[in-house]
Amino acid sequence: MDLVNEIQAREAPLAELYGQVERAVSNPTARQLALQMLRAQRFQLATLDLLAKDQVPEKFHCFGRITHDDVNLRSGPSAREPRTGTLQRGTMVIVQEFQGNWAHVQVSGGKSGWIFKDYVRCEY
C-alpha cells in the first residue's frame, strides 16, 4: 500500500519529536499531556504497520508490552493448554481480547496465542 507507506514516512519523525517534548517539560501535567501525544503517535504508527503488512487481527483491544521474562504462549486460555512459544519482557503484542485471567495476543509475524493477563500491559 503506497499510501500507507507514505503516511508512515511522514508520521514516524513526529514520534521522536513528541518524545523530546515529553523529556523537555518540567511541569507534571505538561509531561502527562506530552506522554499522551506520544502514545497516540505510537498507536498510529503501530496501526499503519499492521496495515502495511496486512496483519490486521480479527479482534483488537490494545497494543501491549510483555512485562515479564519467559512468558509462556499457549494454544488456549489455560495453564493446561500446550505451550506454543515463549515471549520475553518488552515484546510488543496486540491484545485481541481478555477471557478471565487470560489475554489472547498476536505477536509480530502474525503468530497468536494465550498468556496470563498479568504478564501484559496495555500501552496504547
PDB file of N, CA and C in Angstrom:
ATOM      1  N   MET A   1       0.835  -1.183   0.000  1.00  0.00           N
ATOM      2  CA  MET A   1       0.000   0.000   0.000  1.00  0.00           C
ATOM      3  C   MET A   1       0.883   1.251   0.000  1.00  0.00           C
ATOM      4  N   ASP A   2       0.970   1.884  -1.109  1.00  0.00           N
ATOM      5  CA  ASP A   2       1.807   3.073  -1.236  1.00  0.00           C
ATOM      6  C   ASP A   2       1.357   4.200  -0.312  1.00  0.00           C
ATOM      7  N   LEU A   3       0.037   4.378  -0.188  1.00  0.00           N
ATOM      8  CA  LEU A   3      -0.478   5.452   0.653  1.00  0.00           C
ATOM      9  C   LEU A   3      -0.083   5.242   2.116  1.00  0.00           C
ATOM     10  N   VAL A   4      -0.203   4.015   2.605  1.00  0.00           N
ATOM     11  CA  VAL A   4       0.176   3.713   3.991  1.00  0.00           C
ATOM     12  C   VAL A   4       1.662   3.977   4.201  1.00  0.00           C
ATOM     13  N   ASN A   5       2.489   3.544   3.260  1.00  0.00           N
ATOM     14  CA  ASN A   5       3.933   3.781   3.371  1.00  0.00           C
ATOM     15  C   ASN A   5       4.262   5.275   3.367  1.00  0.00           C
ATOM     16  N   GLU A   6       3.544   6.028   2.563  1.00  0.00           N
ATOM     17  CA  GLU A   6       3.761   7.475   2.503  1.00  0.00           C
ATOM     18  C   GLU A   6       3.410   8.130   3.843  1.00  0.00           C
ATOM     19  N   ILE A   7       2.287   7.710   4.423  1.00  0.00           N
ATOM     20  CA  ILE A   7       1.881   8.263   5.721  1.00  0.00           C
ATOM     21  C   ILE A   7       2.896   7.882   6.798  1.00  0.00           C
ATOM     22  N   GLN A   8       3.364   6.628   6.780  1.00  0.00           N
ATOM     23  CA  GLN A   8       4.369   6.193   7.757  1.00  0.00           C
ATOM     24  C   GLN A   8       5.621   7.066   7.680  1.00  0.00           C
ATOM     25  N   ALA A   9       6.079   7.339   6.477  1.00  0.00           N
ATOM     26  CA  ALA A   9       7.290   8.139   6.301  1.00  0.00           C
ATOM     27  C   ALA A   9       7.115   9.554   6.856  1.00  0.00           C
ATOM     28  N   ARG A  10       5.914  10.094   6.732  1.00  0.00           N
ATOM     29  CA  ARG A  10       5.654  11.444   7.228  1.00  0.00           C
ATOM     30  C   ARG A  10       5.485  11.474   8.751  1.00  0.00           C
ATOM     31  N   GLU A  11       4.850  10.444   9.284  1.00  0.00           N
ATOM     32  CA  GLU A  11       4.483  10.451  10.699  1.00  0.00           C
ATOM     33  C   GLU A  11       5.569   9.931  11.640  1.00  0.00           C
ATOM     34  N   ALA A  12       6.457   9.078  11.167  1.00  0.00           N
ATOM     35  CA  ALA A  12       7.477   8.480  12.045  1.00  0.00           C
ATOM     36  C   ALA A  12       8.339   9.526  12.757  1.00  0.00           C
ATOM     37  N   PRO A  13       8.787  10.582  12.080  1.00  0.00           N
ATOM     38  CA  PRO A  13       9.608  11.579  12.784  1.00  0.00           C
ATOM     39  C   PRO A  13       8.869  12.283  13.922  1.00  0.00           C
ATOM     40  N   LEU A  14       7.541  12.352  13.852  1.00  0.00           N
ATOM     41  CA  LEU A  14       6.786  13.018  14.910  1.00  0.00           C
ATOM     42  C   LEU A  14       6.902  12.283  16.239  1.00  0.00           C
ATOM     43  N   ALA A  15       6.985  10.962  16.213  1.00  0.00           N
ATOM     44  CA  ALA A  15       7.120  10.208  17.461  1.00  0.00           C
ATOM     45  C   ALA A  15       8.385  10.632  18.204  1.00  0.00           C
ATOM     46  N   GLU A  16       9.467  10.807  17.490  1.00  0.00           N
ATOM     47  CA  GLU A  16      10.714  11.256  18.127  1.00  0.00           C
ATOM     48  C   GLU A  16      10.557  12.670  18.684  1.00  0.00           C
ATOM     49  N   LEU A  17       9.894  13.540  17.938  1.00  0.00           N
ATOM     50  CA  LEU A  17       9.694  14.912  18.409  1.00  0.00           C
ATOM     51  C   LEU A  17       8.805  14.952  19.649  1.00  0.00           C
ATOM     52  N   TYR A  18       7.739  14.152  19.664  1.00  0.00           N
ATOM     53  CA  TYR A  18       6.871  14.097  20.848  1.00  0.00           C
ATOM     54  C   TYR A  18       7.647  13.568  22.051  1.00  0.00           C
ATOM     55  N   GLY A  19       8.540  12.624  21.821  1.00  0.00           N
ATOM     56  CA  GLY A  19       9.389  12.119  22.898  1.00  0.00           C
ATOM     57  C   GLY A  19      10.293  13.206  23.451  1.00  0.00           C
ATOM     58  N   GLN A  20      10.819  14.043  22.573  1.00  0.00           N
ATOM     59  CA  GLN A  20      11.669  15.156  23.013  1.00  0.00           C
ATOM     60  C   GLN A  20      10.869  16.159  23.842  1.00  0.00           C
ATOM     61  N   VAL A  21       9.635  16.420  23.416  1.00  0.00           N
ATOM     62  CA  VAL A  21       8.774  17.333  24.173  1.00  0.00           C
ATOM     63  C   VAL A  21       8.517  16.759  25.566  1.00  0.00           C
ATOM     64  N   GLU A  22       8.206  15.477  25.637  1.00  0.00           N
ATOM     65  CA  GLU A  22       7.905  14.830  26.922  1.00  0.00           C
ATOM     66  C   GLU A  22       9.101  14.911  27.867  1.00  0.00           C
ATOM     67  N   ARG A  23      10.298  14.753  27.331  1.00  0.00           N
ATOM     68  CA  ARG A  23      11.507  14.817  28.163  1.00  0.00           C
ATOM     69  C   ARG A  23      11.873  16.258  28.545  1.00  0.00           C
ATOM     70  N   ALA A  24      11.441  17.230  27.762  1.00  0.00           N
ATOM     71  CA  ALA A  24      11.854  18.620  27.977  1.00  0.00           C
ATOM     72  C   ALA A  24      10.989  19.368  28.991  1.00  0.00           C
ATOM     73  N   VAL A  25       9.734  19.003  29.116  1.00  0.00           N
ATOM     74  CA  VAL A  25       8.851  19.759  30.014  1.00  0.00           C
ATOM     75  C   VAL A  25       9.092  19.357  31.466  1.00  0.00           C
ATOM     76  N   SER A  26       8.916  20.323  32.378  1.00  0.00           N
ATOM     77  CA  SER A  26       9.159  20.034  33.796  1.00  0.00           C
ATOM     78  C   SER A  26       7.869  19.934  34.600  1.00  0.00           C
ATOM     79  N   ASN A  27       6.824  20.548  34.133  1.00  0.00           N
ATOM     80  CA  ASN A  27       5.541  20.502  34.813  1.00  0.00           C
ATOM     81  C   ASN A  27       4.941  19.100  34.681  1.00  0.00           C
ATOM     82  N   PRO A  28       4.526  18.458  35.779  1.00  0.00           N
ATOM     83  CA  PRO A  28       3.978  17.091  35.700  1.00  0.00           C
ATOM     84  C   PRO A  28       2.758  16.970  34.788  1.00  0.00           C
ATOM     85  N   THR A  29       1.886  17.976  34.800  1.00  0.00           N
ATOM     86  CA  THR A  29       0.702  17.921  33.938  1.00  0.00           C
ATOM     87  C   THR A  29       1.105  18.030  32.474  1.00  0.00           C
ATOM     88  N   ALA A  30       2.022  18.915  32.173  1.00  0.00           N
ATOM     89  CA  ALA A  30       2.508  19.051  30.794  1.00  0.00           C
ATOM     90  C   ALA A  30       3.192  17.766  30.342  1.00  0.00           C
ATOM     91  N   ARG A  31       3.950  17.142  31.247  1.00  0.00           N
ATOM     92  CA  ARG A  31       4.618  15.880  30.903  1.00  0.00           C
ATOM     93  C   ARG A  31       3.574  14.797  30.592  1.00  0.00           C
ATOM     94  N   GLN A  32       2.516  14.736  31.386  1.00  0.00           N
ATOM     95  CA  GLN A  32       1.457  13.750  31.153  1.00  0.00           C
ATOM     96  C   GLN A  32       0.778  13.988  29.807  1.00  0.00           C
ATOM     97  N   LEU A  33       0.513  15.236  29.483  1.00  0.00           N
ATOM     98  CA  LEU A  33      -0.105  15.554  28.191  1.00  0.00           C
ATOM     99  C   LEU A  33       0.820  15.187  27.033  1.00  0.00           C
ATOM    100  N   ALA A  34       2.099  15.505  27.169  1.00  0.00           N
ATOM    101  CA  ALA A  34       3.062  15.161  26.118  1.00  0.00           C
ATOM    102  C   ALA A  34       3.169  13.650  25.962  1.00  0.00           C
ATOM    103  N   LEU A  35       3.125  12.920  27.079  1.00  0.00           N
ATOM    104  CA  LEU A  35       3.175  11.459  27.020  1.00  0.00           C
ATOM    105  C   LEU A  35       1.948  10.901  26.303  1.00  0.00           C
ATOM    106  N   GLN A  36       0.790  11.508  26.519  1.00  0.00           N
ATOM    107  CA  GLN A  36      -0.423  11.066  25.814  1.00  0.00           C
ATOM    108  C   GLN A  36      -0.294  11.297  24.309  1.00  0.00           C
ATOM    109  N   MET A  37       0.302  12.422  23.921  1.00  0.00           N
ATOM    110  CA  MET A  37       0.529  12.670  22.489  1.00  0.00           C
ATOM    111  C   MET A  37       1.475  11.625  21.916  1.00  0.00           C
ATOM    112  N   LEU A  38       2.533  11.305  22.665  1.00  0.00           N
ATOM    113  CA  LEU A  38       3.494  10.300  22.215  1.00  0.00           C
ATOM    114  C   LEU A  38       2.820   8.942  22.064  1.00  0.00           C
ATOM    115  N   ARG A  39       2.007   8.554  23.032  1.00  0.00           N
ATOM    116  CA  ARG A  39       1.296   7.268  22.953  1.00  0.00           C
ATOM    117  C   ARG A  39       0.353   7.228  21.753  1.00  0.00           C
ATOM    118  N   ALA A  40      -0.342   8.339  21.507  1.00  0.00           N
ATOM    119  CA  ALA A  40      -1.247   8.388  20.357  1.00  0.00           C
ATOM    120  C   ALA A  40      -0.470   8.229  19.052  1.00  0.00           C
ATOM    121  N   GLN A  41       0.692   8.861  18.980  1.00  0.00           N
ATOM    122  CA  GLN A  41       1.516   8.747  17.772  1.00  0.00           C
ATOM    123  C   GLN A  41       2.018   7.319  17.593  1.00  0.00           C
ATOM    124  N   ARG A  42       2.444   6.683  18.691  1.00  0.00           N
ATOM    125  CA  ARG A  42       2.897   5.293  18.612  1.00  0.00           C
ATOM    126  C   ARG A  42       1.763   4.364  18.188  1.00  0.00           C
ATOM    127  N   PHE A  43       0.550   4.622  18.699  1.00  0.00           N
ATOM    128  CA  PHE A  43      -0.610   3.836  18.287  1.00  0.00           C
ATOM    129  C   PHE A  43      -0.829   3.974  16.785  1.00  0.00           C
ATOM    130  N   GLN A  44      -0.767   5.200  16.296  1.00  0.00           N
ATOM    131  CA  GLN A  44      -0.961   5.446  14.866  1.00  0.00           C
ATOM    132  C   GLN A  44       0.090   4.711  14.040  1.00  0.00           C
ATOM    133  N   LEU A  45       1.349   4.786  14.448  1.00  0.00           N
ATOM    134  CA  LEU A  45       2.422   4.123  13.697  1.00  0.00           C
ATOM    135  C   LEU A  45       2.281   2.604  13.742  1.00  0.00           C
ATOM    136  N   ALA A  46       1.909   2.063  14.895  1.00  0.00           N
ATOM    137  CA  ALA A  46       1.725   0.613  15.003  1.00  0.00           C
ATOM    138  C   ALA A  46       0.562   0.148  14.134  1.00  0.00           C
ATOM    139  N   THR A  47      -0.493   0.949  14.073  1.00  0.00           N
ATOM    140  CA  THR A  47      -1.641   0.610  13.229  1.00  0.00           C
ATOM    141  C   THR A  47      -1.256   0.660  11.753  1.00  0.00           C
ATOM    142  N   LEU A  48      -0.516   1.672  11.359  1.00  0.00           N
ATOM    143  CA  LEU A  48      -0.060   1.760   9.972  1.00  0.00           C
ATOM    144  C   LEU A  48       0.817   0.569   9.609  1.00  0.00           C
ATOM    145  N   ASP A  49       1.644   0.119  10.558  1.00  0.00           N
ATOM    146  CA  ASP A  49       2.498  -1.040  10.321  1.00  0.00           C
ATOM    147  C   ASP A  49       1.654  -2.292  10.071  1.00  0.00           C
ATOM    148  N   LEU A  50       0.588  -2.469  10.847  1.00  0.00           N
ATOM    149  CA  LEU A  50      -0.315  -3.608  10.629  1.00  0.00           C
ATOM    150  C   LEU A  50      -0.949  -3.548   9.244  1.00  0.00           C
ATOM    151  N   LEU A  51      -1.380  -2.365   8.860  1.00  0.00           N
ATOM    152  CA  LEU A  51      -1.995  -2.205   7.541  1.00  0.00           C
ATOM    153  C   LEU A  51      -0.991  -2.487   6.428  1.00  0.00           C
ATOM    154  N   ALA A  52       0.223  -1.979   6.579  1.00  0.00           N
ATOM    155  CA  ALA A  52       1.250  -2.168   5.549  1.00  0.00           C
ATOM    156  C   ALA A  52       1.607  -3.641   5.380  1.00  0.00           C
ATOM    157  N   LYS A  53       1.610  -4.388   6.483  1.00  0.00           N
ATOM    158  CA  LYS A  53       1.981  -5.808   6.439  1.00  0.00           C
ATOM    159  C   LYS A  53       0.784  -6.732   6.268  1.00  0.00           C
ATOM    160  N   ASP A  54      -0.419  -6.161   6.155  1.00  0.00           N
ATOM    161  CA  ASP A  54      -1.655  -6.935   6.026  1.00  0.00           C
ATOM    162  C   ASP A  54      -1.773  -7.967   7.157  1.00  0.00           C
ATOM    163  N   GLN A  55      -1.547  -7.504   8.398  1.00  0.00           N
ATOM    164  CA  GLN A  55      -1.618  -8.367   9.574  1.00  0.00           C
ATOM    165  C   GLN A  55      -2.654  -7.870  10.579  1.00  0.00           C
ATOM    166  N   VAL A  56      -3.727  -7.271  10.102  1.00  0.00           N
ATOM    167  CA  VAL A  56      -4.761  -6.756  10.990  1.00  0.00           C
ATOM    168  C   VAL A  56      -5.529  -7.933  11.586  1.00  0.00           C
ATOM    169  N   PRO A  57      -5.569  -8.032  12.932  1.00  0.00           N
ATOM    170  CA  PRO A  57      -6.271  -9.154  13.562  1.00  0.00           C
ATOM    171  C   PRO A  57      -7.786  -8.986  13.455  1.00  0.00           C
ATOM    172  N   GLU A  58      -8.509 -10.086  13.678  1.00  0.00           N
ATOM    173  CA  GLU A  58      -9.967 -10.021  13.641  1.00  0.00           C
ATOM    174  C   GLU A  58     -10.523  -9.214  14.810  1.00  0.00           C
ATOM    175  N   LYS A  59      -9.829  -9.274  15.955  1.00  0.00           N
ATOM    176  CA  LYS A  59     -10.249  -8.522  17.136  1.00  0.00           C
ATOM    177  C   LYS A  59      -9.091  -7.646  17.593  1.00  0.00           C
ATOM    178  N   PHE A  60      -9.443  -6.531  18.280  1.00  0.00           N
ATOM    179  CA  PHE A  60      -8.405  -5.632  18.785  1.00  0.00           C
ATOM    180  C   PHE A  60      -8.872  -5.019  20.092  1.00  0.00           C
ATOM    181  N   HIS A  61      -8.034  -5.126  21.132  1.00  0.00           N
ATOM    182  CA  HIS A  61      -8.311  -4.458  22.406  1.00  0.00           C
ATOM    183  C   HIS A  61      -7.312  -3.316  22.619  1.00  0.00           C
ATOM    184  N   CYS A  62      -6.010  -3.619  22.434  1.00  0.00           N
ATOM    185  CA  CYS A  62      -4.976  -2.600  22.613  1.00  0.00           C
ATOM    186  C   CYS A  62      -3.646  -3.120  22.076  1.00  0.00           C
ATOM    187  N   PHE A  63      -2.694  -2.215  21.940  1.00  0.00           N
ATOM    188  CA  PHE A  63      -1.304  -2.602  21.735  1.00  0.00           C
ATOM    189  C   PHE A  63      -0.705  -2.725  23.126  1.00  0.00           C
ATOM    190  N   GLY A  64       0.028  -3.801  23.375  1.00  0.00           N
ATOM    191  CA  GLY A  64       0.579  -4.019  24.706  1.00  0.00           C
ATOM    192  C   GLY A  64       2.035  -4.425  24.663  1.00  0.00           C
ATOM    193  N   ARG A  65       2.601  -4.548  25.865  1.00  0.00           N
ATOM    194  CA  ARG A  65       4.002  -4.937  26.020  1.00  0.00           C
ATOM    195  C   ARG A  65       4.083  -6.017  27.093  1.00  0.00           C
ATOM    196  N   ILE A  66       4.886  -7.057  26.828  1.00  0.00           N
ATOM    197  CA  ILE A  66       5.101  -8.133  27.794  1.00  0.00           C
ATOM    198  C   ILE A  66       5.923  -7.572  28.960  1.00  0.00           C
ATOM    199  N   THR A  67       5.510  -7.884  30.198  1.00  0.00           N
ATOM    200  CA  THR A  67       6.116  -7.276  31.385  1.00  0.00           C
ATOM    201  C   THR A  67       7.037  -8.207  32.166  1.00  0.00           C
ATOM    202  N   HIS A  68       7.148  -9.464  31.764  1.00  0.00           N
ATOM    203  CA  HIS A  68       7.985 -10.433  32.482  1.00  0.00           C
ATOM    204  C   HIS A  68       8.850 -11.200  31.484  1.00  0.00           C
ATOM    205  N   ASP A  69       9.860 -11.880  31.987  1.00  0.00           N
ATOM    206  CA  ASP A  69      10.712 -12.730  31.155  1.00  0.00           C
ATOM    207  C   ASP A  69      10.108 -14.122  31.024  1.00  0.00           C
ATOM    208  N   ASP A  70      10.355 -14.768  29.902  1.00  0.00           N
ATOM    209  CA  ASP A  70       9.970 -16.166  29.668  1.00  0.00           C
ATOM    210  C   ASP A  70       8.482 -16.426  29.901  1.00  0.00           C
ATOM    211  N   VAL A  71       7.633 -15.614  29.271  1.00  0.00           N
ATOM    212  CA  VAL A  71       6.184 -15.778  29.376  1.00  0.00           C
ATOM    213  C   VAL A  71       5.741 -16.843  28.376  1.00  0.00           C
ATOM    214  N   ASN A  72       5.040 -17.844  28.871  1.00  0.00           N
ATOM    215  CA  ASN A  72       4.581 -18.940  28.014  1.00  0.00           C
ATOM    216  C   ASN A  72       3.410 -18.497  27.147  1.00  0.00           C
ATOM    217  N   LEU A  73       3.530 -18.727  25.847  1.00  0.00           N
ATOM    218  CA  LEU A  73       2.448 -18.521  24.894  1.00  0.00           C
ATOM    219  C   LEU A  73       1.772 -19.869  24.732  1.00  0.00           C
ATOM    220  N   ARG A  74       0.455 -19.925  24.936  1.00  0.00           N
ATOM    221  CA  ARG A  74      -0.262 -21.205  24.933  1.00  0.00           C
ATOM    222  C   ARG A  74      -1.335 -21.234  23.851  1.00  0.00           C
ATOM    223  N   SER A  75      -1.747 -22.450  23.515  1.00  0.00           N
ATOM    224  CA  SER A  75      -2.736 -22.626  22.446  1.00  0.00           C
ATOM    225  C   SER A  75      -4.152 -22.297  22.901  1.00  0.00           C
ATOM    226  N   GLY A  76      -4.387 -22.191  24.190  1.00  0.00           N
ATOM    227  CA  GLY A  76      -5.701 -21.859  24.723  1.00  0.00           C
ATOM    228  C   GLY A  76      -5.579 -21.167  26.067  1.00  0.00           C
ATOM    229  N   PRO A  77      -6.706 -20.652  26.592  1.00  0.00           N
ATOM    230  CA  PRO A  77      -6.683 -19.878  27.833  1.00  0.00           C
ATOM    231  C   PRO A  77      -6.656 -20.745  29.097  1.00  0.00           C
ATOM    232  N   SER A  78      -5.586 -21.503  29.258  1.00  0.00           N
ATOM    233  CA  SER A  78      -5.434 -22.365  30.433  1.00  0.00           C
ATOM    234  C   SER A  78      -3.972 -22.785  30.560  1.00  0.00           C
ATOM    235  N   ALA A  79      -3.519 -22.944  31.796  1.00  0.00           N
ATOM    236  CA  ALA A  79      -2.147 -23.418  32.026  1.00  0.00           C
ATOM    237  C   ALA A  79      -1.986 -24.867  31.582  1.00  0.00           C
ATOM    238  N   ARG A  80      -3.092 -25.564  31.373  1.00  0.00           N
ATOM    239  CA  ARG A  80      -3.038 -26.958  30.908  1.00  0.00           C
ATOM    240  C   ARG A  80      -2.907 -27.066  29.387  1.00  0.00           C
ATOM    241  N   GLU A  81      -3.121 -25.953  28.693  1.00  0.00           N
ATOM    242  CA  GLU A  81      -3.003 -25.968  27.227  1.00  0.00           C
ATOM    243  C   GLU A  81      -1.529 -26.066  26.837  1.00  0.00           C
ATOM    244  N   PRO A  82      -1.240 -26.682  25.686  1.00  0.00           N
ATOM    245  CA  PRO A  82       0.162 -26.813  25.251  1.00  0.00           C
ATOM    246  C   PRO A  82       0.830 -25.449  25.043  1.00  0.00           C
ATOM    247  N   ARG A  83       2.107 -25.390  25.379  1.00  0.00           N
ATOM    248  CA  ARG A  83       2.906 -24.187  25.158  1.00  0.00           C
ATOM    249  C   ARG A  83       3.326 -24.165  23.691  1.00  0.00           C
ATOM    250  N   THR A  84       3.129 -23.014  23.046  1.00  0.00           N
ATOM    251  CA  THR A  84       3.475 -22.882  21.626  1.00  0.00           C
ATOM    252  C   THR A  84       4.651 -21.941  21.402  1.00  0.00           C
ATOM    253  N   GLY A  85       5.133 -21.332  22.482  1.00  0.00           N
ATOM    254  CA  GLY A  85       6.266 -20.422  22.371  1.00  0.00           C
ATOM    255  C   GLY A  85       6.513 -19.712  23.683  1.00  0.00           C
ATOM    256  N   THR A  86       7.515 -18.847  23.675  1.00  0.00           N
ATOM    257  CA  THR A  86       7.880 -18.060  24.850  1.00  0.00           C
ATOM    258  C   THR A  86       8.110 -16.620  24.417  1.00  0.00           C
ATOM    259  N   LEU A  87       7.604 -15.686  25.205  1.00  0.00           N
ATOM    260  CA  LEU A  87       7.777 -14.263  24.924  1.00  0.00           C
ATOM    261  C   LEU A  87       8.657 -13.638  25.997  1.00  0.00           C
ATOM    262  N   GLN A  88       9.465 -12.671  25.600  1.00  0.00           N
ATOM    263  CA  GLN A  88      10.385 -12.013  26.523  1.00  0.00           C
ATOM    264  C   GLN A  88       9.869 -10.630  26.918  1.00  0.00           C
ATOM    265  N   ARG A  89      10.324 -10.175  28.071  1.00  0.00           N
ATOM    266  CA  ARG A  89       9.977  -8.843  28.572  1.00  0.00           C
ATOM    267  C   ARG A  89      10.257  -7.802  27.480  1.00  0.00           C
ATOM    268  N   GLY A  90       9.295  -6.905  27.293  1.00  0.00           N
ATOM    269  CA  GLY A  90       9.451  -5.834  26.322  1.00  0.00           C
ATOM    270  C   GLY A  90       8.886  -6.140  24.949  1.00  0.00           C
ATOM    271  N   THR A  91       8.531  -7.396  24.689  1.00  0.00           N
ATOM    272  CA  THR A  91       7.965  -7.763  23.390  1.00  0.00           C
ATOM    273  C   THR A  91       6.639  -7.035  23.186  1.00  0.00           C
ATOM    274  N   MET A  92       6.491  -6.397  22.043  1.00  0.00           N
ATOM    275  CA  MET A  92       5.230  -5.733  21.711  1.00  0.00           C
ATOM    276  C   MET A  92       4.246  -6.759  21.165  1.00  0.00           C
ATOM    277  N   VAL A  93       2.984  -6.652  21.591  1.00  0.00           N
ATOM    278  CA  VAL A  93       1.935  -7.563  21.150  1.00  0.00           C
ATOM    279  C   VAL A  93       0.667  -6.770  20.877  1.00  0.00           C
ATOM    280  N   ILE A  94      -0.235  -7.404  20.157  1.00  0.00           N
ATOM    281  CA  ILE A  94      -1.585  -6.885  20.012  1.00  0.00           C
ATOM    282  C   ILE A  94      -2.450  -7.727  20.933  1.00  0.00           C
ATOM    283  N   VAL A  95      -3.103  -7.084  21.888  1.00  0.00           N
ATOM    284  CA  VAL A  95      -4.044  -7.803  22.742  1.00  0.00           C
ATOM    285  C   VAL A  95      -5.377  -7.808  22.008  1.00  0.00           C
ATOM    286  N   GLN A  96      -5.825  -9.021  21.649  1.00  0.00           N
ATOM    287  CA  GLN A  96      -7.069  -9.137  20.904  1.00  0.00           C
ATOM    288  C   GLN A  96      -8.281  -9.172  21.824  1.00  0.00           C
ATOM    289  N   GLU A  97      -8.133  -9.833  22.979  1.00  0.00           N
ATOM    290  CA  GLU A  97      -9.242  -9.905  23.928  1.00  0.00           C
ATOM    291  C   GLU A  97      -8.737 -10.457  25.253  1.00  0.00           C
ATOM    292  N   PHE A  98      -9.529 -10.241  26.288  1.00  0.00           N
ATOM    293  CA  PHE A  98      -9.287 -10.853  27.587  1.00  0.00           C
ATOM    294  C   PHE A  98     -10.404 -11.850  27.847  1.00  0.00           C
ATOM    295  N   GLN A  99     -10.035 -12.977  28.435  1.00  0.00           N
ATOM    296  CA  GLN A  99     -11.007 -14.005  28.793  1.00  0.00           C
ATOM    297  C   GLN A  99     -10.609 -14.530  30.168  1.00  0.00           C
ATOM    298  N   GLY A 100     -11.330 -14.115  31.207  1.00  0.00           N
ATOM    299  CA  GLY A 100     -10.957 -14.494  32.565  1.00  0.00           C
ATOM    300  C   GLY A 100      -9.579 -13.956  32.900  1.00  0.00           C
ATOM    301  N   ASN A 101      -8.676 -14.838  33.298  1.00  0.00           N
ATOM    302  CA  ASN A 101      -7.306 -14.446  33.655  1.00  0.00           C
ATOM    303  C   ASN A 101      -6.345 -14.505  32.477  1.00  0.00           C
ATOM    304  N   TRP A 102      -6.872 -14.601  31.276  1.00  0.00           N
ATOM    305  CA  TRP A 102      -6.027 -14.813  30.100  1.00  0.00           C
ATOM    306  C   TRP A 102      -6.219 -13.713  29.065  1.00  0.00           C
ATOM    307  N   ALA A 103      -5.148 -13.445  28.328  1.00  0.00           N
ATOM    308  CA  ALA A 103      -5.173 -12.476  27.230  1.00  0.00           C
ATOM    309  C   ALA A 103      -4.794 -13.197  25.944  1.00  0.00           C
ATOM    310  N   HIS A 104      -5.603 -13.016  24.910  1.00  0.00           N
ATOM    311  CA  HIS A 104      -5.280 -13.553  23.592  1.00  0.00           C
ATOM    312  C   HIS A 104      -4.458 -12.489  22.878  1.00  0.00           C
ATOM    313  N   VAL A 105      -3.227 -12.840  22.498  1.00  0.00           N
ATOM    314  CA  VAL A 105      -2.315 -11.864  21.905  1.00  0.00           C
ATOM    315  C   VAL A 105      -1.818 -12.329  20.544  1.00  0.00           C
ATOM    316  N   GLN A 106      -1.441 -11.351  19.732  1.00  0.00           N
ATOM    317  CA  GLN A 106      -0.790 -11.613  18.445  1.00  0.00           C
ATOM    318  C   GLN A 106       0.570 -10.941  18.487  1.00  0.00           C
ATOM    319  N   VAL A 107       1.591 -11.670  18.084  1.00  0.00           N
ATOM    320  CA  VAL A 107       2.946 -11.118  18.056  1.00  0.00           C
ATOM    321  C   VAL A 107       3.332 -10.799  16.619  1.00  0.00           C
ATOM    322  N   SER A 108       4.451 -10.121  16.458  1.00  0.00           N
ATOM    323  CA  SER A 108       4.951  -9.775  15.135  1.00  0.00           C
ATOM    324  C   SER A 108       5.023 -11.018  14.267  1.00  0.00           C
ATOM    325  N   GLY A 109       4.619 -10.887  13.034  1.00  0.00           N
ATOM    326  CA  GLY A 109       4.618 -12.025  12.125  1.00  0.00           C
ATOM    327  C   GLY A 109       3.280 -12.730  12.078  1.00  0.00           C
ATOM    328  N   GLY A 110       2.348 -12.342  12.963  1.00  0.00           N
ATOM    329  CA  GLY A 110       1.008 -12.896  12.922  1.00  0.00           C
ATOM    330  C   GLY A 110       0.742 -14.062  13.853  1.00  0.00           C
ATOM    331  N   LYS A 111       1.773 -14.621  14.502  1.00  0.00           N
ATOM    332  CA  LYS A 111       1.564 -15.741  15.423  1.00  0.00           C
ATOM    333  C   LYS A 111       0.735 -15.263  16.611  1.00  0.00           C
ATOM    334  N   SER A 112      -0.213 -16.096  17.060  1.00  0.00           N
ATOM    335  CA  SER A 112      -1.038 -15.698  18.193  1.00  0.00           C
ATOM    336  C   SER A 112      -1.155 -16.833  19.197  1.00  0.00           C
ATOM    337  N   GLY A 113      -1.569 -16.479  20.400  1.00  0.00           N
ATOM    338  CA  GLY A 113      -1.763 -17.452  21.463  1.00  0.00           C
ATOM    339  C   GLY A 113      -2.253 -16.752  22.714  1.00  0.00           C
ATOM    340  N   TRP A 114      -2.271 -17.492  23.802  1.00  0.00           N
ATOM    341  CA  TRP A 114      -2.804 -17.008  25.069  1.00  0.00           C
ATOM    342  C   TRP A 114      -1.697 -16.891  26.107  1.00  0.00           C
ATOM    343  N   ILE A 115      -1.749 -15.804  26.905  1.00  0.00           N
ATOM    344  CA  ILE A 115      -0.815 -15.620  28.014  1.00  0.00           C
ATOM    345  C   ILE A 115      -1.612 -15.209  29.248  1.00  0.00           C
ATOM    346  N   PHE A 116      -1.024 -15.427  30.430  1.00  0.00           N
ATOM    347  CA  PHE A 116      -1.652 -14.966  31.664  1.00  0.00           C
ATOM    348  C   PHE A 116      -1.729 -13.447  31.620  1.00  0.00           C
ATOM    349  N   LYS A 117      -2.903 -12.883  31.918  1.00  0.00           N
ATOM    350  CA  LYS A 117      -3.160 -11.449  31.716  1.00  0.00           C
ATOM    351  C   LYS A 117      -2.249 -10.521  32.516  1.00  0.00           C
ATOM    352  N   ASP A 118      -1.705 -11.005  33.637  1.00  0.00           N
ATOM    353  CA  ASP A 118      -0.830 -10.152  34.447  1.00  0.00           C
ATOM    354  C   ASP A 118       0.539  -9.933  33.808  1.00  0.00           C
ATOM    355  N   TYR A 119       0.832 -10.632  32.717  1.00  0.00           N
ATOM    356  CA  TYR A 119       2.139 -10.537  32.068  1.00  0.00           C
ATOM    357  C   TYR A 119       2.143  -9.610  30.860  1.00  0.00           C
ATOM    358  N   VAL A 120       1.038  -8.875  30.662  1.00  0.00           N
ATOM    359  CA  VAL A 120       0.968  -7.916  29.557  1.00  0.00           C
ATOM    360  C   VAL A 120       0.360  -6.617  30.081  1.00  0.00           C
ATOM    361  N   ARG A 121       0.860  -5.500  29.575  1.00  0.00           N
ATOM    362  CA  ARG A 121       0.331  -4.191  29.948  1.00  0.00           C
ATOM    363  C   ARG A 121      -0.090  -3.465  28.677  1.00  0.00           C
ATOM    364  N   CYS A 122      -1.342  -3.032  28.634  1.00  0.00           N
ATOM    365  CA  CYS A 122      -1.806  -2.233  27.503  1.00  0.00           C
ATOM    366  C   CYS A 122      -1.107  -0.880  27.554  1.00  0.00           C
ATOM    367  N   GLU A 123      -0.568  -0.475  26.418  1.00  0.00           N
ATOM    368  CA  GLU A 123       0.148   0.803  26.359  1.00  0.00           C
ATOM    369  C   GLU A 123      -0.592   1.841  25.535  1.00  0.00           C
ATOM    370  N   TYR A 124      -1.226   1.430  24.472  1.00  0.00           N
ATOM    371  CA  TYR A 124      -1.994   2.350  23.636  1.00  0.00           C
ATOM    372  C   TYR A 124      -2.896   1.558  22.747  1.00  0.00           C
TER     373      TYR A 124
END
